[in-house]
Amino acid sequence: MSTEPMERSVLGTLGCAVSLTALAISTQAHAADDPQISAERPKDALKPFDLAYGGAVDERHADRNGPPQKTPRADSTAEQLTLIAAELRAQRELIAKQSEIIARQQLAIDMLTQRQLAGSDLSELRAAGLATAMQGIAPVSQETTQMMPDAPVGEAPPPEPTVQSRVEAVPEGQGVLTPAGRMVLDSSFEYTSSSTNRLVFRGIELVPGIQIGLIEASDADRTTLITTLGARYGLTNRLELEARLPALYRWDRIEVAQQRDEGIVRTIALKERDIGDLEFALRYQLNRPRGQNPIWVANLRVKSDTGKSPFEVGYDEFGVATGLSTGSGFWAVQPGISMLLPSDPAVIFGSLGYLYHIPRNIDREIGGAFIGRVDPGDAISGNLGFGFALNPRFSFSMGYRHSYIMPSTQEIGGSVERSNRAHVGSFTFGMSYRLSQRQSVNFGFEFGATADAPDVSVTVRFPLSINLRK
């Protein structure tokens, strides 16, 4: 009798047994990682494979040694089938449990992959699939310099500039408010220089080219140094109170050329040192900052008349002042609103305000003329610019400021005279450097853009923050 079919049957049975044994070993390895599966694992899961292998060996021996001998196992074929069916059910349950484990592990892999895509530079590959995303990542075994860190391992990255650091260089009064319980002592020094050339004709013109009266030409160079002591206090996180007291030192040099019957040239040098107009301000933040939305701050400023008034200085017989004023001589109220718009990496700022001067009666004679009621011109002012933080310690700002001064009216000798309107515009540039958590130094520059504006103005500020609620 040929044994070739029998050997092929035995080899096939052995191959199936080996494959199922490998699957069982893999199942045992996964079960070892999961204590729940390890506890529920059938210890006799390989019995059907042993039975199949034993049956094949018995058939091989039967072919070689003669007819197969009846054994108790052969007599209980029904019991063996029942046992095999039970073992298969156990294997199916084990496979089902392992399928659940594989599903949970796949879910964990998907979640880790999504986190990696959200926090890496490959965010643009979202929804492109894991295979597409992994194409841009070098394998672990691949040697590449692109995977090297840009900073020493273990060193924290530098902090990102905050909105507060970006607005430290913006013009005074337009930054973020002082936190509750903190006071900022703000001392500043301001230098302003301006020059004017004017030609004035005082008389009448009979016919074109024939004038009777006085022709006056003046060349004035004016220099002002202002030292200001200011304090800001945060009543709440959204309400701030401020007070400022300036002290002025002024010196002017004026050359006046008058043409009557004969030319007269005079040079006048004037100096004055006194306090200026005391100011109070109240600022309230209208909304809370939310992402890239603008921050609106309403403000109200009140200016007193503590400085030396222009009507308190003397004048000569030609109507030329013999002294200098350090104040406007009028109370004023200025409501306004300012805006901060975060736009990484910069902050856009702007403001709009209306300055109202309260008129009053002078009722005194100046230069031979009686001065009655004077209504100084009101002003509308606004500015626009941006602040940019290069790092958490240094920031700068650029912008433009413009004021429209309305005509003023005054009663002189029983008649009402009206002045001309004026436009004062200037380009602004600021820098801020944080010396410590409490101290910083700010520089501000203004360059005149209109004929009525000062030529140049330089301001240095030293704000110092103090916590009063320790």
Protein backbone atom coordinates (compact mmCIF):
# COMPACT_ATOMS: atom_id res chain seq x y z
CA MET A 1 0.00 0.00 0.00
CA SER A 2 1.42 3.44 -1.00
CA THR A 3 2.17 5.81 1.88
CA GLU A 4 2.48 9.02 -0.20
CA PRO A 5 -1.14 10.18 0.32
CA MET A 6 -0.85 9.39 3.98
CA GLU A 7 2.40 11.37 4.32
CA ARG A 8 0.87 14.36 2.58
CA SER A 9 -2.06 14.19 5.01
CA VAL A 10 0.30 14.05 7.97
CA LEU A 11 2.39 16.95 6.64
CA GLY A 12 -0.75 19.03 6.03
CA THR A 13 -1.98 18.26 9.52
CA LEU A 14 1.42 19.19 10.97
CA GLY A 15 1.46 22.47 8.95
CA CYS A 16 -1.96 23.42 10.27
CA ALA A 17 -0.89 22.50 13.77
CA VAL A 18 2.26 24.62 13.47
CA SER A 19 0.28 27.63 12.14
CA LEU A 20 -2.30 27.36 14.90
CA THR A 21 0.48 26.92 17.44
CA ALA A 22 2.11 30.17 16.22
CA LEU A 23 -1.26 31.94 16.54
CA ALA A 24 -1.64 30.57 20.03
CA ILE A 25 1.87 31.74 20.99
CA SER A 26 1.08 35.25 19.63
CA THR A 27 -2.16 35.18 21.59
CA GLN A 28 -0.26 34.24 24.72
CA ALA A 29 2.20 37.09 24.15
CA HIS A 30 -0.67 39.65 23.91
CA ALA A 31 -2.35 38.09 26.88
CA ALA A 32 0.84 38.49 28.90
CA ASP A 33 0.67 42.27 28.28
CA ASP A 34 -2.97 42.40 29.39
CA PRO A 35 -3.49 40.99 32.88
CA GLN A 36 -7.22 40.57 32.24
CA ILE A 37 -6.65 38.33 29.25
CA SER A 38 -3.86 36.45 31.03
CA ALA A 39 -6.26 35.59 33.82
CA GLU A 40 -9.02 34.50 31.45
CA ARG A 41 -6.75 32.51 29.11
CA PRO A 42 -7.64 28.79 28.75
CA LYS A 43 -4.65 26.74 29.89
CA ASP A 44 -5.51 23.82 27.61
CA ALA A 45 -6.03 25.91 24.46
CA LEU A 46 -3.65 23.70 22.48
CA LYS A 47 -5.38 20.42 23.17
CA PRO A 48 -7.08 20.19 19.73
CA PHE A 49 -3.67 20.63 18.11
CA ASP A 50 -2.27 17.80 20.26
CA LEU A 51 -5.18 15.57 19.27
CA ALA A 52 -4.72 16.32 15.58
CA TYR A 53 -0.99 15.71 15.81
CA GLY A 54 -1.52 12.48 17.77
CA GLY A 55 -4.07 11.22 15.27
CA ALA A 56 -1.70 11.83 12.39
CA VAL A 57 1.10 9.97 14.15
CA ASP A 58 -1.19 7.05 14.89
CA GLU A 59 -2.18 6.80 11.22
CA ARG A 60 1.49 6.84 10.17
CA HIS A 61 2.34 4.01 12.57
CA ALA A 62 -0.72 2.08 11.45
CA ASP A 63 0.45 2.14 7.84
CA ARG A 64 3.88 0.85 8.82
CA ASN A 65 2.91 -1.74 11.43
CA GLY A 66 -0.35 -3.04 10.02
CA PRO A 67 -4.01 -2.35 10.61
CA PRO A 68 -4.73 0.25 13.25
CA GLN A 69 -5.47 -1.01 16.71
CA LYS A 70 -8.58 0.02 18.42
CA THR A 71 -7.91 2.36 21.33
CA PRO A 72 -10.19 3.88 23.88
CA ARG A 73 -9.78 7.23 22.11
CA ALA A 74 -11.01 5.75 18.82
CA ASP A 75 -14.02 4.26 20.57
CA SER A 76 -15.10 7.70 21.87
CA THR A 77 -15.12 9.70 18.62
CA ALA A 78 -18.26 11.54 19.65
CA GLU A 79 -16.64 12.66 22.88
CA GLN A 80 -13.58 13.89 20.97
CA LEU A 81 -15.76 15.92 18.61
CA THR A 82 -17.55 17.44 21.59
CA LEU A 83 -14.22 18.29 23.19
CA ILE A 84 -12.89 19.82 19.96
CA ALA A 85 -16.06 21.89 19.59
CA ALA A 86 -15.68 23.18 23.15
CA GLU A 87 -12.05 24.06 22.52
CA LEU A 88 -12.98 25.88 19.30
CA ARG A 89 -15.55 27.92 21.19
CA ALA A 90 -12.93 28.83 23.75
CA GLN A 91 -10.58 29.87 20.96
CA ARG A 92 -13.30 32.02 19.35
CA GLU A 93 -13.93 33.77 22.68
CA LEU A 94 -10.21 34.39 23.06
CA ILE A 95 -9.99 35.76 19.50
CA ALA A 96 -12.97 38.05 20.19
CA LYS A 97 -11.28 39.43 23.32
CA GLN A 98 -8.07 40.02 21.41
CA SER A 99 -10.03 41.81 18.69
CA GLU A 100 -11.36 44.18 21.36
CA ILE A 101 -7.80 44.79 22.60
CA ILE A 102 -6.62 45.50 19.06
CA ALA A 103 -9.51 47.95 18.56
CA ARG A 104 -8.62 49.81 21.79
CA GLN A 105 -4.94 49.96 20.84
CA GLN A 106 -5.82 51.24 17.36
CA LEU A 107 -7.99 53.95 18.94
CA ALA A 108 -5.08 54.97 21.20
CA ILE A 109 -2.75 55.12 18.18
CA ASP A 110 -5.23 57.34 16.30
CA MET A 111 -5.52 59.71 19.27
CA LEU A 112 -1.73 59.99 19.65
CA THR A 113 -1.41 60.63 15.92
CA GLN A 114 -3.96 63.46 16.08
CA ARG A 115 -2.12 65.05 19.02
CA GLN A 116 1.16 64.84 17.17
CA LEU A 117 -0.34 66.52 14.09
CA ALA A 118 -1.95 69.24 16.23
CA GLY A 119 1.28 70.15 18.02
CA SER A 120 3.84 69.79 15.24
CA ASP A 121 4.72 71.72 12.14
CA LEU A 122 2.69 69.22 10.09
CA SER A 123 -0.67 70.74 11.00
CA GLU A 124 -1.32 71.42 7.35
CA LEU A 125 -1.48 67.64 6.77
CA ARG A 126 -4.60 67.19 8.87
CA ALA A 127 -7.32 65.04 7.26
CA ALA A 128 -4.73 63.74 4.79
CA GLY A 129 -4.38 60.40 6.58
CA LEU A 130 -1.64 58.93 8.71
CA ALA A 131 0.34 57.63 5.76
CA THR A 132 0.45 61.07 4.14
CA ALA A 133 1.45 62.73 7.39
CA MET A 134 4.21 60.20 8.07
CA GLN A 135 5.78 60.89 4.68
CA GLY A 136 7.21 64.17 6.02
CA ILE A 137 8.70 62.55 9.15
CA ALA A 138 12.12 60.96 8.95
CA PRO A 139 12.34 57.34 10.20
CA VAL A 140 13.91 56.76 13.58
CA SER A 141 16.88 54.91 12.13
CA GLN A 142 17.51 57.57 9.50
CA GLU A 143 20.36 59.95 10.34
CA THR A 144 19.32 63.50 9.58
CA THR A 145 20.25 66.91 10.95
CA GLN A 146 16.68 68.20 10.59
CA MET A 147 15.63 66.27 13.68
CA MET A 148 18.27 67.95 15.89
CA PRO A 149 16.84 70.48 18.41
CA ASP A 150 17.40 74.18 17.82
CA ALA A 151 18.16 74.83 21.50
CA PRO A 152 20.00 72.89 24.22
CA VAL A 153 18.02 69.94 25.53
CA GLY A 154 16.34 70.77 28.82
CA GLU A 155 16.49 74.56 28.36
CA ALA A 156 13.10 76.28 28.46
CA PRO A 157 12.21 78.33 25.35
CA PRO A 158 12.08 82.11 25.79
CA PRO A 159 8.66 83.43 26.81
CA GLU A 160 6.46 84.87 24.10
CA PRO A 161 5.87 88.64 24.14
CA THR A 162 2.60 89.56 25.79
CA VAL A 163 0.12 92.27 24.85
CA GLN A 164 1.39 94.37 27.75
CA SER A 165 4.99 94.20 26.49
CA ARG A 166 3.86 95.26 22.99
CA VAL A 167 2.07 98.38 24.23
CA GLU A 168 4.73 99.67 26.62
CA ALA A 169 6.18 101.83 23.85
CA VAL A 170 2.87 103.34 22.73
CA PRO A 171 2.10 106.99 23.58
CA GLU A 172 1.34 107.76 27.20
CA GLY A 173 -2.22 107.09 28.31
CA GLN A 174 -3.00 104.50 25.61
CA GLY A 175 -1.51 101.34 27.08
CA VAL A 176 -3.13 98.69 29.24
CA LEU A 177 -4.56 99.80 32.57
CA THR A 178 -2.79 99.44 35.90
CA PRO A 179 -3.84 96.25 37.76
CA ALA A 180 -5.88 96.62 40.93
CA GLY A 181 -3.81 97.50 43.97
CA ARG A 182 -0.76 98.61 42.02
CA MET A 183 0.66 102.09 41.66
CA VAL A 184 2.92 103.30 38.86
CA LEU A 185 5.15 106.28 39.62
CA ASP A 186 5.90 107.89 36.27
CA SER A 187 8.59 110.54 36.09
CA SER A 188 9.38 112.04 32.69
CA PHE A 189 11.59 114.63 31.02
CA GLU A 190 10.50 116.30 27.80
CA TYR A 191 12.49 118.55 25.50
CA THR A 192 10.66 120.57 22.83
CA SER A 193 12.12 122.90 20.23
CA SER A 194 10.28 125.03 17.68
CA SER A 195 10.95 128.00 15.46
CA THR A 196 8.56 130.38 13.71
CA ASN A 197 8.98 133.10 11.10
CA ARG A 198 6.15 135.60 10.78
CA LEU A 199 5.52 138.73 8.76
CA VAL A 200 2.77 141.00 10.10
CA PHE A 201 1.38 144.22 8.60
CA ARG A 202 -0.44 146.47 11.02
CA GLY A 203 -2.13 149.32 9.14
CA ILE A 204 -4.27 150.03 6.10
CA GLU A 205 -3.74 149.66 2.36
CA LEU A 206 -5.13 152.61 0.39
CA VAL A 207 -4.52 151.16 -3.05
CA PRO A 208 -2.63 148.03 -4.09
CA GLY A 209 1.04 148.67 -3.37
CA ILE A 210 0.52 151.71 -1.10
CA GLN A 211 0.39 150.80 2.61
CA ILE A 212 0.20 153.05 5.65
CA GLY A 213 1.11 151.46 8.98
CA LEU A 214 3.70 149.10 10.51
CA ILE A 215 5.36 146.08 8.91
CA GLU A 216 6.77 143.66 11.48
CA ALA A 217 8.84 140.53 10.87
CA SER A 218 9.68 138.20 13.74
CA ASP A 219 11.91 135.16 14.04
CA ALA A 220 11.30 133.19 17.24
CA ASP A 221 13.21 130.19 18.56
CA ARG A 222 11.40 128.56 21.48
CA THR A 223 12.81 125.85 23.74
CA THR A 224 10.89 124.13 26.53
CA LEU A 225 12.04 121.59 29.12
CA ILE A 226 9.23 119.90 31.07
CA THR A 227 9.75 117.73 34.13
CA THR A 228 6.62 115.83 35.10
CA LEU A 229 5.80 113.79 38.19
CA GLY A 230 2.89 111.44 37.62
CA ALA A 231 1.18 108.60 39.43
CA ARG A 232 -1.34 106.01 38.28
CA TYR A 233 -3.30 103.74 40.60
CA GLY A 234 -5.49 100.78 39.70
CA LEU A 235 -8.74 101.02 41.65
CA THR A 236 -9.88 97.82 39.94
CA ASN A 237 -8.54 95.79 37.06
CA ARG A 238 -10.68 97.94 34.74
CA LEU A 239 -10.57 101.37 36.41
CA GLU A 240 -7.50 103.59 36.73
CA LEU A 241 -6.90 107.01 38.31
CA GLU A 242 -4.02 109.30 37.31
CA ALA A 243 -2.57 112.64 38.44
CA ARG A 244 0.22 114.67 36.80
CA LEU A 245 2.06 117.83 37.86
CA PRO A 246 4.51 119.38 35.34
CA ALA A 247 7.26 121.88 36.02
CA LEU A 248 8.38 123.98 33.03
CA TYR A 249 11.56 125.78 32.19
CA ARG A 250 11.22 127.96 29.06
CA TRP A 251 13.58 130.19 27.19
CA ASP A 252 12.73 132.07 23.98
CA ARG A 253 14.85 134.15 21.67
CA ILE A 254 12.86 136.54 19.46
CA GLU A 255 14.18 138.89 16.79
CA VAL A 256 11.68 141.57 15.75
CA ALA A 257 12.24 143.83 12.74
CA GLN A 258 9.83 146.79 12.47
CA GLN A 259 9.63 149.14 9.51
CA ARG A 260 8.19 152.60 10.08
CA ASP A 261 9.97 155.72 8.98
CA GLU A 262 13.16 153.86 9.76
CA GLY A 263 13.97 150.22 10.37
CA ILE A 264 14.17 148.97 13.97
CA VAL A 265 15.59 145.53 14.86
CA ARG A 266 15.26 144.24 18.40
CA THR A 267 16.40 141.00 19.99
CA ILE A 268 14.43 139.77 22.99
CA ALA A 269 15.58 136.94 25.26
CA LEU A 270 12.98 135.60 27.69
CA LYS A 271 13.20 132.95 30.40
CA GLU A 272 10.65 131.50 32.78
CA ARG A 273 10.56 128.72 35.37
CA ASP A 274 7.35 127.70 37.14
CA ILE A 275 4.89 124.85 37.60
CA GLY A 276 2.44 124.00 34.86
CA ASP A 277 -1.22 123.03 34.82
CA LEU A 278 -2.14 120.18 37.19
CA GLU A 279 -4.01 117.35 35.44
CA PHE A 280 -6.27 114.51 36.57
CA ALA A 281 -7.41 111.58 34.46
CA LEU A 282 -9.79 108.66 34.83
CA ARG A 283 -9.72 105.66 32.50
CA TYR A 284 -12.15 102.75 32.34
CA GLN A 285 -11.80 99.60 30.24
CA LEU A 286 -15.15 98.97 28.55
CA ASN A 287 -14.69 95.30 27.63
CA ARG A 288 -12.60 92.29 28.53
CA PRO A 289 -9.90 91.13 26.11
CA ARG A 290 -10.95 88.12 24.05
CA GLY A 291 -8.46 86.72 21.56
CA GLN A 292 -7.93 89.10 18.66
CA ASN A 293 -10.84 91.41 19.56
CA PRO A 294 -10.09 95.09 20.24
CA ILE A 295 -9.85 96.50 23.76
CA TRP A 296 -11.80 99.75 24.26
CA VAL A 297 -10.88 102.23 26.99
CA ALA A 298 -12.91 105.36 27.81
CA ASN A 299 -10.98 108.21 29.40
CA LEU A 300 -11.70 111.61 30.92
CA ARG A 301 -9.00 114.23 31.53
CA VAL A 302 -9.39 117.46 33.49
CA LYS A 303 -6.77 120.23 33.26
CA SER A 304 -6.57 123.04 35.80
CA ASP A 305 -5.08 126.53 35.49
CA THR A 306 -2.35 126.27 38.15
CA GLY A 307 0.35 127.40 35.72
CA LYS A 308 1.25 130.99 34.96
CA SER A 309 -1.37 132.41 32.61
CA PRO A 310 -0.51 134.27 29.37
CA PHE A 311 -2.53 137.17 30.76
CA GLU A 312 -0.25 137.44 33.80
CA VAL A 313 2.91 138.31 31.87
CA GLY A 314 3.86 141.87 31.00
CA TYR A 315 3.85 143.58 27.58
CA ASP A 316 5.76 146.61 26.30
CA GLU A 317 4.39 149.57 24.34
CA PHE A 318 4.71 147.60 21.11
CA GLY A 319 2.56 144.72 22.42
CA VAL A 320 5.51 142.33 22.73
CA ALA A 321 5.46 140.06 25.79
CA THR A 322 8.17 140.62 28.38
CA GLY A 323 7.64 137.24 30.04
CA LEU A 324 6.58 133.67 29.30
CA SER A 325 3.63 131.65 30.47
CA THR A 326 3.76 128.09 31.85
CA GLY A 327 0.05 127.35 31.59
CA SER A 328 -2.93 128.01 29.34
CA GLY A 329 -4.87 130.11 31.86
CA PHE A 330 -8.10 128.12 31.38
CA TRP A 331 -9.68 125.01 32.78
CA ALA A 332 -10.29 122.29 30.22
CA VAL A 333 -12.10 118.96 30.00
CA GLN A 334 -11.20 116.27 27.48
CA PRO A 335 -13.31 113.13 27.05
CA GLY A 336 -12.03 110.49 24.68
CA ILE A 337 -11.80 106.85 23.76
CA SER A 338 -8.80 104.71 22.87
CA MET A 339 -8.46 101.31 21.26
CA LEU A 340 -5.95 98.45 21.40
CA LEU A 341 -6.23 95.76 18.73
CA PRO A 342 -3.97 92.71 19.26
CA SER A 343 -2.75 91.42 15.91
CA ASP A 344 0.18 89.05 16.41
CA PRO A 345 2.95 89.90 16.47
CA ALA A 346 1.90 93.57 16.78
CA VAL A 347 -0.72 95.67 18.55
CA ILE A 348 -2.60 98.42 16.70
CA PHE A 349 -3.58 101.44 18.79
CA GLY A 350 -5.66 104.53 18.16
CA SER A 351 -7.52 107.26 20.03
CA LEU A 352 -9.97 110.09 19.50
CA GLY A 353 -10.68 112.95 21.89
CA TYR A 354 -12.32 116.36 22.17
CA LEU A 355 -10.71 119.13 24.25
CA TYR A 356 -13.17 121.71 25.59
CA HIS A 357 -11.79 124.95 27.06
CA ILE A 358 -14.02 126.74 29.55
CA PRO A 359 -14.16 130.46 28.59
CA ARG A 360 -13.76 133.15 31.23
CA ASN A 361 -13.64 136.92 31.64
CA ILE A 362 -10.16 138.43 31.85
CA ASP A 363 -11.32 142.00 32.53
CA ARG A 364 -7.94 143.65 32.56
CA GLU A 365 -5.92 146.03 30.40
CA ILE A 366 -2.95 144.52 28.56
CA GLY A 367 -0.70 146.57 26.28
CA GLY A 368 -3.08 149.53 26.34
CA ALA A 369 -6.11 147.43 25.33
CA PHE A 370 -8.89 146.18 27.58
CA ILE A 371 -9.37 142.39 27.40
CA GLY A 372 -12.88 141.17 28.18
CA ARG A 373 -14.28 137.65 27.66
CA VAL A 374 -11.95 135.14 26.05
CA ASP A 375 -13.10 131.82 24.61
CA PRO A 376 -10.04 129.75 23.62
CA GLY A 377 -10.52 127.41 20.73
CA ASP A 378 -11.49 123.82 21.37
CA ALA A 379 -9.54 121.00 19.76
CA ILE A 380 -10.22 117.62 18.19
CA SER A 381 -7.29 115.24 18.39
CA GLY A 382 -6.59 111.70 17.30
CA ASN A 383 -3.76 109.32 16.59
CA LEU A 384 -3.13 105.94 15.02
CA GLY A 385 -0.16 103.58 15.11
CA PHE A 386 1.14 100.17 16.07
CA GLY A 387 3.40 98.65 18.70
CA PHE A 388 5.72 95.71 18.09
CA ALA A 389 7.64 93.63 20.66
CA LEU A 390 10.91 92.18 19.41
CA ASN A 391 11.22 90.23 22.68
CA PRO A 392 9.69 90.38 26.18
CA ARG A 393 12.10 93.21 27.14
CA PHE A 394 12.24 95.50 24.09
CA SER A 395 9.41 96.97 22.02
CA PHE A 396 8.86 99.94 19.74
CA SER A 397 5.95 101.86 18.23
CA MET A 398 5.25 104.12 15.27
CA GLY A 399 2.28 106.36 14.58
CA TYR A 400 0.84 109.72 13.59
CA ARG A 401 -0.88 112.30 15.80
CA HIS A 402 -3.01 115.21 14.62
CA SER A 403 -4.94 117.98 16.36
CA TYR A 404 -7.35 120.45 14.84
CA ILE A 405 -7.52 123.64 16.93
CA MET A 406 -10.64 125.69 16.35
CA PRO A 407 -10.56 129.49 16.17
CA SER A 408 -10.65 131.39 19.46
CA THR A 409 -12.66 134.57 20.14
CA GLN A 410 -11.75 137.43 22.45
CA GLU A 411 -13.13 140.85 23.31
CA ILE A 412 -10.51 143.56 22.80
CA GLY A 413 -11.50 147.18 23.32
CA GLY A 414 -15.19 146.52 22.83
CA SER A 415 -14.78 144.54 19.59
CA VAL A 416 -14.67 140.77 19.11
CA GLU A 417 -11.69 139.34 17.30
CA ARG A 418 -11.45 135.83 15.93
CA SER A 419 -8.20 133.97 15.39
CA ASN A 420 -7.33 131.51 12.65
CA ARG A 421 -7.67 127.77 13.03
CA ALA A 422 -4.54 125.64 13.33
CA HIS A 423 -3.45 122.12 12.40
CA VAL A 424 -0.82 120.46 14.57
CA GLY A 425 0.38 117.14 13.16
CA SER A 426 3.42 115.07 14.04
CA PHE A 427 4.93 111.66 13.41
CA THR A 428 5.64 109.66 16.55
CA PHE A 429 8.19 106.98 17.31
CA GLY A 430 8.66 105.23 20.65
CA MET A 431 10.92 102.64 22.25
CA SER A 432 10.65 100.78 25.53
CA TYR A 433 13.14 98.59 27.38
CA ARG A 434 12.20 96.65 30.51
CA LEU A 435 14.95 96.86 33.11
CA SER A 436 13.20 94.55 35.58
CA GLN A 437 9.73 93.32 36.48
CA ARG A 438 9.04 96.69 38.13
CA GLN A 439 11.15 99.21 36.20
CA SER A 440 11.36 100.17 32.53
CA VAL A 441 12.62 103.11 30.49
CA ASN A 442 10.64 104.59 27.59
CA PHE A 443 11.73 106.96 24.83
CA GLY A 444 9.32 108.99 22.72
CA PHE A 445 10.07 111.12 19.66
CA GLU A 446 7.80 113.51 17.75
CA PHE A 447 8.65 115.22 14.48
CA GLY A 448 6.48 118.08 13.27
CA ALA A 449 4.56 117.49 10.05
CA THR A 450 2.64 120.79 9.83
CA ALA A 451 3.64 124.46 10.05
CA ASP A 452 2.00 124.94 13.45
CA ALA A 453 3.64 121.89 15.04
CA PRO A 454 6.89 121.98 17.05
CA ASP A 455 9.96 120.95 15.10
CA VAL A 456 10.98 118.12 17.41
CA SER A 457 10.07 116.74 20.81
CA VAL A 458 11.96 114.11 22.83
CA THR A 459 10.53 112.46 25.95
CA VAL A 460 12.21 110.06 28.40
CA ARG A 461 10.02 108.27 30.95
CA PHE A 462 10.88 106.04 33.91
CA PRO A 463 7.72 104.22 35.08
CA LEU A 464 8.12 102.28 38.33
CA SER A 465 5.46 99.76 39.39
CA ILE A 466 4.73 99.26 43.11
CA ASN A 467 2.38 96.67 44.61
CA LEU A 468 0.43 98.24 47.49
CA ARG A 469 -1.57 95.09 48.32
CA LYS A 470 1.04 92.63 49.51
